[in-house]
Amino acid sequence: MESSHIPKRLTRKMSLTCPDHTPTLALLNLHATIKADIRKEASEKFTALFMEFVDRFETSNFNPTYSDYGHNTLVTKAYREFCDCVGDEVKVIPPSPKP
């Protein structure tokens, strides 16, 4: 199973307590929560879309305005694609039958 952590390049370059980063923190928390839950399985697409968001956010120099109303940047697109994929790309693993 993959490690579920915030990429170090994010934590080194941005303040994760800045109120302007609320949507980013929510996305990071969503990703980490899903990856850490042994009852959930995320697809390769889920992981790829998360990494695409991280790469585009880093390329934007961690500009939090991607989430402002009306913005349509590459970061905005990556954010929406990742959030939209969760319903289809994360499966709940049924509990094992008890012997």
PDB file of N, CA and C in Angstrom:
ATOM      1  N   MET A   1       0.853  -1.182   0.000  1.00  0.00           N
ATOM      2  CA  MET A   1       0.000   0.000   0.000  1.00  0.00           C
ATOM      3  C   MET A   1       0.894   1.238   0.000  1.00  0.00           C
ATOM      4  N   GLU A   2       0.486   2.258  -0.719  1.00  0.00           N
ATOM      5  CA  GLU A   2       1.244   3.480  -0.793  1.00  0.00           C
ATOM      6  C   GLU A   2       1.168   4.249   0.519  1.00  0.00           C
ATOM      7  N   SER A   3       2.219   5.007   0.761  1.00  0.00           N
ATOM      8  CA  SER A   3       2.238   5.888   1.912  1.00  0.00           C
ATOM      9  C   SER A   3       1.260   7.030   1.674  1.00  0.00           C
ATOM     10  N   SER A   4       0.554   7.450   2.699  1.00  0.00           N
ATOM     11  CA  SER A   4      -0.363   8.578   2.546  1.00  0.00           C
ATOM     12  C   SER A   4       0.166   9.744   3.368  1.00  0.00           C
ATOM     13  N   HIS A   5       0.915  10.584   2.710  1.00  0.00           N
ATOM     14  CA  HIS A   5       1.466  11.746   3.385  1.00  0.00           C
ATOM     15  C   HIS A   5       1.407  12.943   2.456  1.00  0.00           C
ATOM     16  N   ILE A   6       1.515  14.105   3.028  1.00  0.00           N
ATOM     17  CA  ILE A   6       1.572  15.324   2.234  1.00  0.00           C
ATOM     18  C   ILE A   6       2.971  15.391   1.627  1.00  0.00           C
ATOM     19  N   PRO A   7       3.065  15.585   0.327  1.00  0.00           N
ATOM     20  CA  PRO A   7       4.393  15.665  -0.284  1.00  0.00           C
ATOM     21  C   PRO A   7       5.249  16.715   0.407  1.00  0.00           C
ATOM     22  N   LYS A   8       6.487  16.345   0.718  1.00  0.00           N
ATOM     23  CA  LYS A   8       7.384  17.249   1.450  1.00  0.00           C
ATOM     24  C   LYS A   8       7.585  18.560   0.717  1.00  0.00           C
ATOM     25  N   ARG A   9       7.538  18.524  -0.616  1.00  0.00           N
ATOM     26  CA  ARG A   9       7.751  19.772  -1.346  1.00  0.00           C
ATOM     27  C   ARG A   9       6.634  20.773  -1.084  1.00  0.00           C
ATOM     28  N   LEU A  10       5.457  20.305  -0.674  1.00  0.00           N
ATOM     29  CA  LEU A  10       4.387  21.237  -0.317  1.00  0.00           C
ATOM     30  C   LEU A  10       4.631  21.851   1.049  1.00  0.00           C
ATOM     31  N   THR A  11       4.971  21.034   2.009  1.00  0.00           N
ATOM     32  CA  THR A  11       5.112  21.545   3.373  1.00  0.00           C
ATOM     33  C   THR A  11       6.325  22.450   3.515  1.00  0.00           C
ATOM     34  N   ARG A  12       7.332  22.263   2.687  1.00  0.00           N
ATOM     35  CA  ARG A  12       8.514  23.119   2.769  1.00  0.00           C
ATOM     36  C   ARG A  12       8.271  24.492   2.171  1.00  0.00           C
ATOM     37  N   LYS A  13       7.384  24.607   1.204  1.00  0.00           N
ATOM     38  CA  LYS A  13       7.268  25.839   0.440  1.00  0.00           C
ATOM     39  C   LYS A  13       6.032  26.669   0.732  1.00  0.00           C
ATOM     40  N   MET A  14       5.100  26.170   1.478  1.00  0.00           N
ATOM     41  CA  MET A  14       3.901  26.961   1.756  1.00  0.00           C
ATOM     42  C   MET A  14       3.527  26.825   3.221  1.00  0.00           C
ATOM     43  N   SER A  15       2.889  27.815   3.714  1.00  0.00           N
ATOM     44  CA  SER A  15       2.403  27.760   5.086  1.00  0.00           C
ATOM     45  C   SER A  15       1.053  27.065   5.077  1.00  0.00           C
ATOM     46  N   LEU A  16       0.986  25.901   5.692  1.00  0.00           N
ATOM     47  CA  LEU A  16      -0.262  25.142   5.692  1.00  0.00           C
ATOM     48  C   LEU A  16      -1.277  25.659   6.698  1.00  0.00           C
ATOM     49  N   THR A  17      -0.971  26.745   7.352  1.00  0.00           N
ATOM     50  CA  THR A  17      -1.932  27.318   8.291  1.00  0.00           C
ATOM     51  C   THR A  17      -2.566  28.586   7.742  1.00  0.00           C
ATOM     52  N   CYS A  18      -2.170  29.014   6.566  1.00  0.00           N
ATOM     53  CA  CYS A  18      -2.703  30.227   5.956  1.00  0.00           C
ATOM     54  C   CYS A  18      -4.179  30.027   5.623  1.00  0.00           C
ATOM     55  N   PRO A  19      -5.062  30.939   6.064  1.00  0.00           N
ATOM     56  CA  PRO A  19      -6.486  30.767   5.783  1.00  0.00           C
ATOM     57  C   PRO A  19      -6.797  30.747   4.284  1.00  0.00           C
ATOM     58  N   ASP A  20      -5.953  31.357   3.468  1.00  0.00           N
ATOM     59  CA  ASP A  20      -6.176  31.350   2.021  1.00  0.00           C
ATOM     60  C   ASP A  20      -6.027  29.962   1.430  1.00  0.00           C
ATOM     61  N   HIS A  21      -5.466  29.042   2.163  1.00  0.00           N
ATOM     62  CA  HIS A  21      -5.234  27.693   1.659  1.00  0.00           C
ATOM     63  C   HIS A  21      -6.284  26.695   2.157  1.00  0.00           C
ATOM     64  N   THR A  22      -7.432  27.170   2.619  1.00  0.00           N
ATOM     65  CA  THR A  22      -8.465  26.274   3.131  1.00  0.00           C
ATOM     66  C   THR A  22      -8.866  25.189   2.129  1.00  0.00           C
ATOM     67  N   PRO A  23      -9.137  25.502   0.851  1.00  0.00           N
ATOM     68  CA  PRO A  23      -9.489  24.437  -0.094  1.00  0.00           C
ATOM     69  C   PRO A  23      -8.332  23.453  -0.310  1.00  0.00           C
ATOM     70  N   THR A  24      -7.121  23.963  -0.284  1.00  0.00           N
ATOM     71  CA  THR A  24      -5.956  23.091  -0.460  1.00  0.00           C
ATOM     72  C   THR A  24      -5.831  22.142   0.721  1.00  0.00           C
ATOM     73  N   LEU A  25      -6.005  22.669   1.920  1.00  0.00           N
ATOM     74  CA  LEU A  25      -5.943  21.824   3.110  1.00  0.00           C
ATOM     75  C   LEU A  25      -7.039  20.766   3.083  1.00  0.00           C
ATOM     76  N   ALA A  26      -8.227  21.138   2.624  1.00  0.00           N
ATOM     77  CA  ALA A  26      -9.336  20.181   2.536  1.00  0.00           C
ATOM     78  C   ALA A  26      -8.996  19.074   1.543  1.00  0.00           C
ATOM     79  N   LEU A  27      -8.392  19.442   0.406  1.00  0.00           N
ATOM     80  CA  LEU A  27      -8.016  18.442  -0.591  1.00  0.00           C
ATOM     81  C   LEU A  27      -6.933  17.514  -0.048  1.00  0.00           C
ATOM     82  N   LEU A  28      -5.926  18.067   0.607  1.00  0.00           N
ATOM     83  CA  LEU A  28      -4.854  17.247   1.189  1.00  0.00           C
ATOM     84  C   LEU A  28      -5.416  16.310   2.256  1.00  0.00           C
ATOM     85  N   ASN A  29      -6.333  16.822   3.066  1.00  0.00           N
ATOM     86  CA  ASN A  29      -6.955  16.004   4.107  1.00  0.00           C
ATOM     87  C   ASN A  29      -7.797  14.886   3.495  1.00  0.00           C
ATOM     88  N   LEU A  30      -8.545  15.203   2.443  1.00  0.00           N
ATOM     89  CA  LEU A  30      -9.347  14.193   1.761  1.00  0.00           C
ATOM     90  C   LEU A  30      -8.451  13.073   1.230  1.00  0.00           C
ATOM     91  N   HIS A  31      -7.391  13.439   0.551  1.00  0.00           N
ATOM     92  CA  HIS A  31      -6.467  12.452  -0.001  1.00  0.00           C
ATOM     93  C   HIS A  31      -5.877  11.580   1.108  1.00  0.00           C
ATOM     94  N   ALA A  32      -5.367  12.208   2.156  1.00  0.00           N
ATOM     95  CA  ALA A  32      -4.733  11.462   3.243  1.00  0.00           C
ATOM     96  C   ALA A  32      -5.723  10.555   3.966  1.00  0.00           C
ATOM     97  N   THR A  33      -6.931  11.034   4.170  1.00  0.00           N
ATOM     98  CA  THR A  33      -7.953  10.246   4.854  1.00  0.00           C
ATOM     99  C   THR A  33      -8.303   8.995   4.060  1.00  0.00           C
ATOM    100  N   ILE A  34      -8.465   9.143   2.760  1.00  0.00           N
ATOM    101  CA  ILE A  34      -8.786   7.995   1.914  1.00  0.00           C
ATOM    102  C   ILE A  34      -7.624   7.005   1.878  1.00  0.00           C
ATOM    103  N   LYS A  35      -6.407   7.507   1.715  1.00  0.00           N
ATOM    104  CA  LYS A  35      -5.245   6.625   1.617  1.00  0.00           C
ATOM    105  C   LYS A  35      -4.980   5.894   2.938  1.00  0.00           C
ATOM    106  N   ALA A  36      -5.324   6.503   4.057  1.00  0.00           N
ATOM    107  CA  ALA A  36      -5.065   5.897   5.358  1.00  0.00           C
ATOM    108  C   ALA A  36      -6.154   4.915   5.794  1.00  0.00           C
ATOM    109  N   ASP A  37      -7.292   4.957   5.147  1.00  0.00           N
ATOM    110  CA  ASP A  37      -8.424   4.116   5.540  1.00  0.00           C
ATOM    111  C   ASP A  37      -8.277   2.720   4.933  1.00  0.00           C
ATOM    112  N   ILE A  38      -8.092   1.726   5.775  1.00  0.00           N
ATOM    113  CA  ILE A  38      -7.896   0.355   5.279  1.00  0.00           C
ATOM    114  C   ILE A  38      -9.167  -0.208   4.644  1.00  0.00           C
ATOM    115  N   ARG A  39     -10.294   0.478   4.853  1.00  0.00           N
ATOM    116  CA  ARG A  39     -11.550   0.030   4.265  1.00  0.00           C
ATOM    117  C   ARG A  39     -11.809   0.648   2.896  1.00  0.00           C
ATOM    118  N   LYS A  40     -10.859   1.460   2.414  1.00  0.00           N
ATOM    119  CA  LYS A  40     -11.032   2.106   1.115  1.00  0.00           C
ATOM    120  C   LYS A  40      -9.832   1.811   0.220  1.00  0.00           C
ATOM    121  N   GLU A  41     -10.128   1.712  -1.062  1.00  0.00           N
ATOM    122  CA  GLU A  41      -9.085   1.462  -2.046  1.00  0.00           C
ATOM    123  C   GLU A  41      -9.202   2.516  -3.140  1.00  0.00           C
ATOM    124  N   ALA A  42      -8.120   3.258  -3.323  1.00  0.00           N
ATOM    125  CA  ALA A  42      -8.095   4.303  -4.343  1.00  0.00           C
ATOM    126  C   ALA A  42      -7.427   3.770  -5.608  1.00  0.00           C
ATOM    127  N   SER A  43      -7.953   4.177  -6.739  1.00  0.00           N
ATOM    128  CA  SER A  43      -7.424   3.719  -8.024  1.00  0.00           C
ATOM    129  C   SER A  43      -6.147   4.474  -8.396  1.00  0.00           C
ATOM    130  N   GLU A  44      -5.503   3.993  -9.441  1.00  0.00           N
ATOM    131  CA  GLU A  44      -4.320   4.678  -9.974  1.00  0.00           C
ATOM    132  C   GLU A  44      -4.708   6.059 -10.501  1.00  0.00           C
ATOM    133  N   LYS A  45      -5.898   6.172 -11.057  1.00  0.00           N
ATOM    134  CA  LYS A  45      -6.362   7.471 -11.556  1.00  0.00           C
ATOM    135  C   LYS A  45      -6.479   8.472 -10.414  1.00  0.00           C
ATOM    136  N   PHE A  46      -6.993   8.042  -9.270  1.00  0.00           N
ATOM    137  CA  PHE A  46      -7.094   8.890  -8.078  1.00  0.00           C
ATOM    138  C   PHE A  46      -5.715   9.445  -7.724  1.00  0.00           C
ATOM    139  N   THR A  47      -4.739   8.557  -7.667  1.00  0.00           N
ATOM    140  CA  THR A  47      -3.373   8.958  -7.324  1.00  0.00           C
ATOM    141  C   THR A  47      -2.801   9.891  -8.383  1.00  0.00           C
ATOM    142  N   ALA A  48      -3.011   9.563  -9.649  1.00  0.00           N
ATOM    143  CA  ALA A  48      -2.480  10.386 -10.739  1.00  0.00           C
ATOM    144  C   ALA A  48      -3.087  11.794 -10.724  1.00  0.00           C
ATOM    145  N   LEU A  49      -4.391  11.883 -10.489  1.00  0.00           N
ATOM    146  CA  LEU A  49      -5.032  13.196 -10.454  1.00  0.00           C
ATOM    147  C   LEU A  49      -4.574  14.008  -9.249  1.00  0.00           C
ATOM    148  N   PHE A  50      -4.331  13.353  -8.132  1.00  0.00           N
ATOM    149  CA  PHE A  50      -3.800  14.065  -6.966  1.00  0.00           C
ATOM    150  C   PHE A  50      -2.423  14.625  -7.280  1.00  0.00           C
ATOM    151  N   MET A  51      -1.573  13.803  -7.873  1.00  0.00           N
ATOM    152  CA  MET A  51      -0.217  14.254  -8.200  1.00  0.00           C
ATOM    153  C   MET A  51      -0.246  15.359  -9.256  1.00  0.00           C
ATOM    154  N   GLU A  52      -1.194  15.294 -10.171  1.00  0.00           N
ATOM    155  CA  GLU A  52      -1.335  16.360 -11.166  1.00  0.00           C
ATOM    156  C   GLU A  52      -1.681  17.678 -10.470  1.00  0.00           C
ATOM    157  N   PHE A  53      -2.600  17.623  -9.503  1.00  0.00           N
ATOM    158  CA  PHE A  53      -2.919  18.830  -8.739  1.00  0.00           C
ATOM    159  C   PHE A  53      -1.679  19.358  -8.028  1.00  0.00           C
ATOM    160  N   VAL A  54      -0.948  18.476  -7.348  1.00  0.00           N
ATOM    161  CA  VAL A  54       0.250  18.892  -6.610  1.00  0.00           C
ATOM    162  C   VAL A  54       1.251  19.552  -7.557  1.00  0.00           C
ATOM    163  N   ASP A  55       1.497  18.930  -8.700  1.00  0.00           N
ATOM    164  CA  ASP A  55       2.458  19.483  -9.666  1.00  0.00           C
ATOM    165  C   ASP A  55       2.015  20.854 -10.181  1.00  0.00           C
ATOM    166  N   ARG A  56       0.744  20.971 -10.529  1.00  0.00           N
ATOM    167  CA  ARG A  56       0.255  22.254 -11.050  1.00  0.00           C
ATOM    168  C   ARG A  56       0.226  23.329  -9.972  1.00  0.00           C
ATOM    169  N   PHE A  57      -0.113  22.939  -8.755  1.00  0.00           N
ATOM    170  CA  PHE A  57      -0.121  23.895  -7.645  1.00  0.00           C
ATOM    171  C   PHE A  57       1.296  24.384  -7.370  1.00  0.00           C
ATOM    172  N   GLU A  58       2.247  23.477  -7.394  1.00  0.00           N
ATOM    173  CA  GLU A  58       3.647  23.858  -7.197  1.00  0.00           C
ATOM    174  C   GLU A  58       4.115  24.785  -8.319  1.00  0.00           C
ATOM    175  N   THR A  59       3.767  24.466  -9.558  1.00  0.00           N
ATOM    176  CA  THR A  59       4.150  25.294 -10.701  1.00  0.00           C
ATOM    177  C   THR A  59       3.567  26.703 -10.584  1.00  0.00           C
ATOM    178  N   SER A  60       2.404  26.830  -9.949  1.00  0.00           N
ATOM    179  CA  SER A  60       1.781  28.151  -9.756  1.00  0.00           C
ATOM    180  C   SER A  60       2.417  28.919  -8.603  1.00  0.00           C
ATOM    181  N   ASN A  61       3.475  28.348  -8.033  1.00  0.00           N
ATOM    182  CA  ASN A  61       4.133  28.932  -6.853  1.00  0.00           C
ATOM    183  C   ASN A  61       3.175  28.976  -5.667  1.00  0.00           C
ATOM    184  N   PHE A  62       2.330  27.925  -5.579  1.00  0.00           N
ATOM    185  CA  PHE A  62       1.384  27.753  -4.471  1.00  0.00           C
ATOM    186  C   PHE A  62       0.409  28.919  -4.340  1.00  0.00           C
ATOM    187  N   ASN A  63      -0.023  29.424  -5.478  1.00  0.00           N
ATOM    188  CA  ASN A  63      -0.964  30.529  -5.507  1.00  0.00           C
ATOM    189  C   ASN A  63      -2.361  30.009  -5.153  1.00  0.00           C
ATOM    190  N   PRO A  64      -2.925  30.460  -4.033  1.00  0.00           N
ATOM    191  CA  PRO A  64      -4.212  29.923  -3.596  1.00  0.00           C
ATOM    192  C   PRO A  64      -5.423  30.480  -4.339  1.00  0.00           C
ATOM    193  N   THR A  65      -5.215  31.393  -5.282  1.00  0.00           N
ATOM    194  CA  THR A  65      -6.370  32.008  -5.950  1.00  0.00           C
ATOM    195  C   THR A  65      -7.059  31.063  -6.936  1.00  0.00           C
ATOM    196  N   TYR A  66      -6.493  29.858  -7.167  1.00  0.00           N
ATOM    197  CA  TYR A  66      -7.142  28.908  -8.068  1.00  0.00           C
ATOM    198  C   TYR A  66      -8.565  28.584  -7.616  1.00  0.00           C
ATOM    199  N   SER A  67      -8.814  28.727  -6.309  1.00  0.00           N
ATOM    200  CA  SER A  67     -10.135  28.365  -5.784  1.00  0.00           C
ATOM    201  C   SER A  67     -11.104  29.547  -5.741  1.00  0.00           C
ATOM    202  N   ASP A  68     -10.658  30.719  -6.163  1.00  0.00           N
ATOM    203  CA  ASP A  68     -11.545  31.882  -6.173  1.00  0.00           C
ATOM    204  C   ASP A  68     -12.616  31.717  -7.246  1.00  0.00           C
ATOM    205  N   TYR A  69     -13.794  32.211  -6.975  1.00  0.00           N
ATOM    206  CA  TYR A  69     -14.911  32.116  -7.916  1.00  0.00           C
ATOM    207  C   TYR A  69     -14.515  32.724  -9.263  1.00  0.00           C
ATOM    208  N   GLY A  70     -14.789  31.988 -10.315  1.00  0.00           N
ATOM    209  CA  GLY A  70     -14.540  32.487 -11.656  1.00  0.00           C
ATOM    210  C   GLY A  70     -13.169  32.189 -12.223  1.00  0.00           C
ATOM    211  N   HIS A  71     -12.263  31.691 -11.394  1.00  0.00           N
ATOM    212  CA  HIS A  71     -10.923  31.361 -11.896  1.00  0.00           C
ATOM    213  C   HIS A  71     -10.988  30.048 -12.659  1.00  0.00           C
ATOM    214  N   ASN A  72     -10.288  30.018 -13.767  1.00  0.00           N
ATOM    215  CA  ASN A  72     -10.252  28.815 -14.583  1.00  0.00           C
ATOM    216  C   ASN A  72      -8.804  28.577 -15.023  1.00  0.00           C
ATOM    217  N   THR A  73      -7.976  28.214 -14.062  1.00  0.00           N
ATOM    218  CA  THR A  73      -6.557  27.974 -14.323  1.00  0.00           C
ATOM    219  C   THR A  73      -6.310  26.472 -14.436  1.00  0.00           C
ATOM    220  N   LEU A  74      -5.093  26.100 -14.793  1.00  0.00           N
ATOM    221  CA  LEU A  74      -4.732  24.677 -14.819  1.00  0.00           C
ATOM    222  C   LEU A  74      -4.837  24.068 -13.427  1.00  0.00           C
ATOM    223  N   VAL A  75      -4.529  24.862 -12.415  1.00  0.00           N
ATOM    224  CA  VAL A  75      -4.644  24.363 -11.036  1.00  0.00           C
ATOM    225  C   VAL A  75      -6.115  24.144 -10.692  1.00  0.00           C
ATOM    226  N   THR A  76      -6.975  25.088 -11.102  1.00  0.00           N
ATOM    227  CA  THR A  76      -8.410  24.957 -10.866  1.00  0.00           C
ATOM    228  C   THR A  76      -8.937  23.681 -11.513  1.00  0.00           C
ATOM    229  N   LYS A  77      -8.524  23.443 -12.744  1.00  0.00           N
ATOM    230  CA  LYS A  77      -8.955  22.254 -13.478  1.00  0.00           C
ATOM    231  C   LYS A  77      -8.492  20.983 -12.765  1.00  0.00           C
ATOM    232  N   ALA A  78      -7.236  20.943 -12.333  1.00  0.00           N
ATOM    233  CA  ALA A  78      -6.702  19.767 -11.633  1.00  0.00           C
ATOM    234  C   ALA A  78      -7.429  19.551 -10.310  1.00  0.00           C
ATOM    235  N   TYR A  79      -7.724  20.629  -9.600  1.00  0.00           N
ATOM    236  CA  TYR A  79      -8.453  20.550  -8.328  1.00  0.00           C
ATOM    237  C   TYR A  79      -9.836  19.928  -8.551  1.00  0.00           C
ATOM    238  N   ARG A  80     -10.551  20.447  -9.547  1.00  0.00           N
ATOM    239  CA  ARG A  80     -11.903  19.935  -9.825  1.00  0.00           C
ATOM    240  C   ARG A  80     -11.876  18.482 -10.283  1.00  0.00           C
ATOM    241  N   GLU A  81     -10.926  18.145 -11.151  1.00  0.00           N
ATOM    242  CA  GLU A  81     -10.846  16.772 -11.648  1.00  0.00           C
ATOM    243  C   GLU A  81     -10.567  15.791 -10.515  1.00  0.00           C
ATOM    244  N   PHE A  82      -9.675  16.172  -9.594  1.00  0.00           N
ATOM    245  CA  PHE A  82      -9.394  15.293  -8.459  1.00  0.00           C
ATOM    246  C   PHE A  82     -10.644  15.143  -7.591  1.00  0.00           C
ATOM    247  N   CYS A  83     -11.264  16.247  -7.216  1.00  0.00           N
ATOM    248  CA  CYS A  83     -12.446  16.179  -6.353  1.00  0.00           C
ATOM    249  C   CYS A  83     -13.579  15.393  -7.014  1.00  0.00           C
ATOM    250  N   ASP A  84     -13.748  15.588  -8.312  1.00  0.00           N
ATOM    251  CA  ASP A  84     -14.815  14.894  -9.036  1.00  0.00           C
ATOM    252  C   ASP A  84     -14.577  13.396  -9.171  1.00  0.00           C
ATOM    253  N   CYS A  85     -13.328  12.970  -9.101  1.00  0.00           N
ATOM    254  CA  CYS A  85     -13.018  11.552  -9.316  1.00  0.00           C
ATOM    255  C   CYS A  85     -13.280  10.692  -8.089  1.00  0.00           C
ATOM    256  N   VAL A  86     -13.380  11.294  -6.931  1.00  0.00           N
ATOM    257  CA  VAL A  86     -13.461  10.530  -5.683  1.00  0.00           C
ATOM    258  C   VAL A  86     -14.615   9.529  -5.694  1.00  0.00           C
ATOM    259  N   GLY A  87     -15.765   9.933  -6.165  1.00  0.00           N
ATOM    260  CA  GLY A  87     -16.923   9.039  -6.174  1.00  0.00           C
ATOM    261  C   GLY A  87     -16.732   7.790  -7.018  1.00  0.00           C
ATOM    262  N   ASP A  88     -16.005   7.916  -8.118  1.00  0.00           N
ATOM    263  CA  ASP A  88     -15.807   6.782  -9.021  1.00  0.00           C
ATOM    264  C   ASP A  88     -14.496   6.045  -8.805  1.00  0.00           C
ATOM    265  N   GLU A  89     -13.502   6.719  -8.241  1.00  0.00           N
ATOM    266  CA  GLU A  89     -12.160   6.145  -8.166  1.00  0.00           C
ATOM    267  C   GLU A  89     -11.757   5.661  -6.771  1.00  0.00           C
ATOM    268  N   VAL A  90     -12.683   5.737  -5.830  1.00  0.00           N
ATOM    269  CA  VAL A  90     -12.430   5.216  -4.475  1.00  0.00           C
ATOM    270  C   VAL A  90     -13.512   4.190  -4.184  1.00  0.00           C
ATOM    271  N   LYS A  91     -13.090   2.983  -3.896  1.00  0.00           N
ATOM    272  CA  LYS A  91     -14.025   1.893  -3.619  1.00  0.00           C
ATOM    273  C   LYS A  91     -13.949   1.505  -2.148  1.00  0.00           C
ATOM    274  N   VAL A  92     -15.102   1.192  -1.589  1.00  0.00           N
ATOM    275  CA  VAL A  92     -15.160   0.682  -0.218  1.00  0.00           C
ATOM    276  C   VAL A  92     -14.931  -0.821  -0.291  1.00  0.00           C
ATOM    277  N   ILE A  93     -14.011  -1.289   0.521  1.00  0.00           N
ATOM    278  CA  ILE A  93     -13.702  -2.716   0.568  1.00  0.00           C
ATOM    279  C   ILE A  93     -14.642  -3.370   1.567  1.00  0.00           C
ATOM    280  N   PRO A  94     -15.423  -4.356   1.126  1.00  0.00           N
ATOM    281  CA  PRO A  94     -16.358  -4.988   2.065  1.00  0.00           C
ATOM    282  C   PRO A  94     -15.594  -5.751   3.158  1.00  0.00           C
ATOM    283  N   PRO A  95     -16.149  -5.789   4.343  1.00  0.00           N
ATOM    284  CA  PRO A  95     -15.480  -6.521   5.416  1.00  0.00           C
ATOM    285  C   PRO A  95     -15.389  -8.010   5.095  1.00  0.00           C
ATOM    286  N   SER A  96     -14.325  -8.615   5.559  1.00  0.00           N
ATOM    287  CA  SER A  96     -14.162 -10.072   5.377  1.00  0.00           C
ATOM    288  C   SER A  96     -15.191 -10.796   6.207  1.00  0.00           C
ATOM    289  N   PRO A  97     -15.752 -11.867   5.668  1.00  0.00           N
ATOM    290  CA  PRO A  97     -16.721 -12.636   6.467  1.00  0.00           C
ATOM    291  C   PRO A  97     -16.025 -13.254   7.664  1.00  0.00           C
ATOM    292  N   LYS A  98     -16.710 -13.246   8.774  1.00  0.00           N
ATOM    293  CA  LYS A  98     -16.137 -13.855   9.985  1.00  0.00           C
ATOM    294  C   LYS A  98     -16.280 -15.366   9.887  1.00  0.00           C
ATOM    295  N   PRO A  99     -15.217 -16.082  10.282  1.00  0.00           N
ATOM    296  CA  PRO A  99     -15.282 -17.570  10.207  1.00  0.00           C
ATOM    297  C   PRO A  99     -16.235 -18.158  11.208  1.00  0.00           C
TER     298      PRO A  99
END
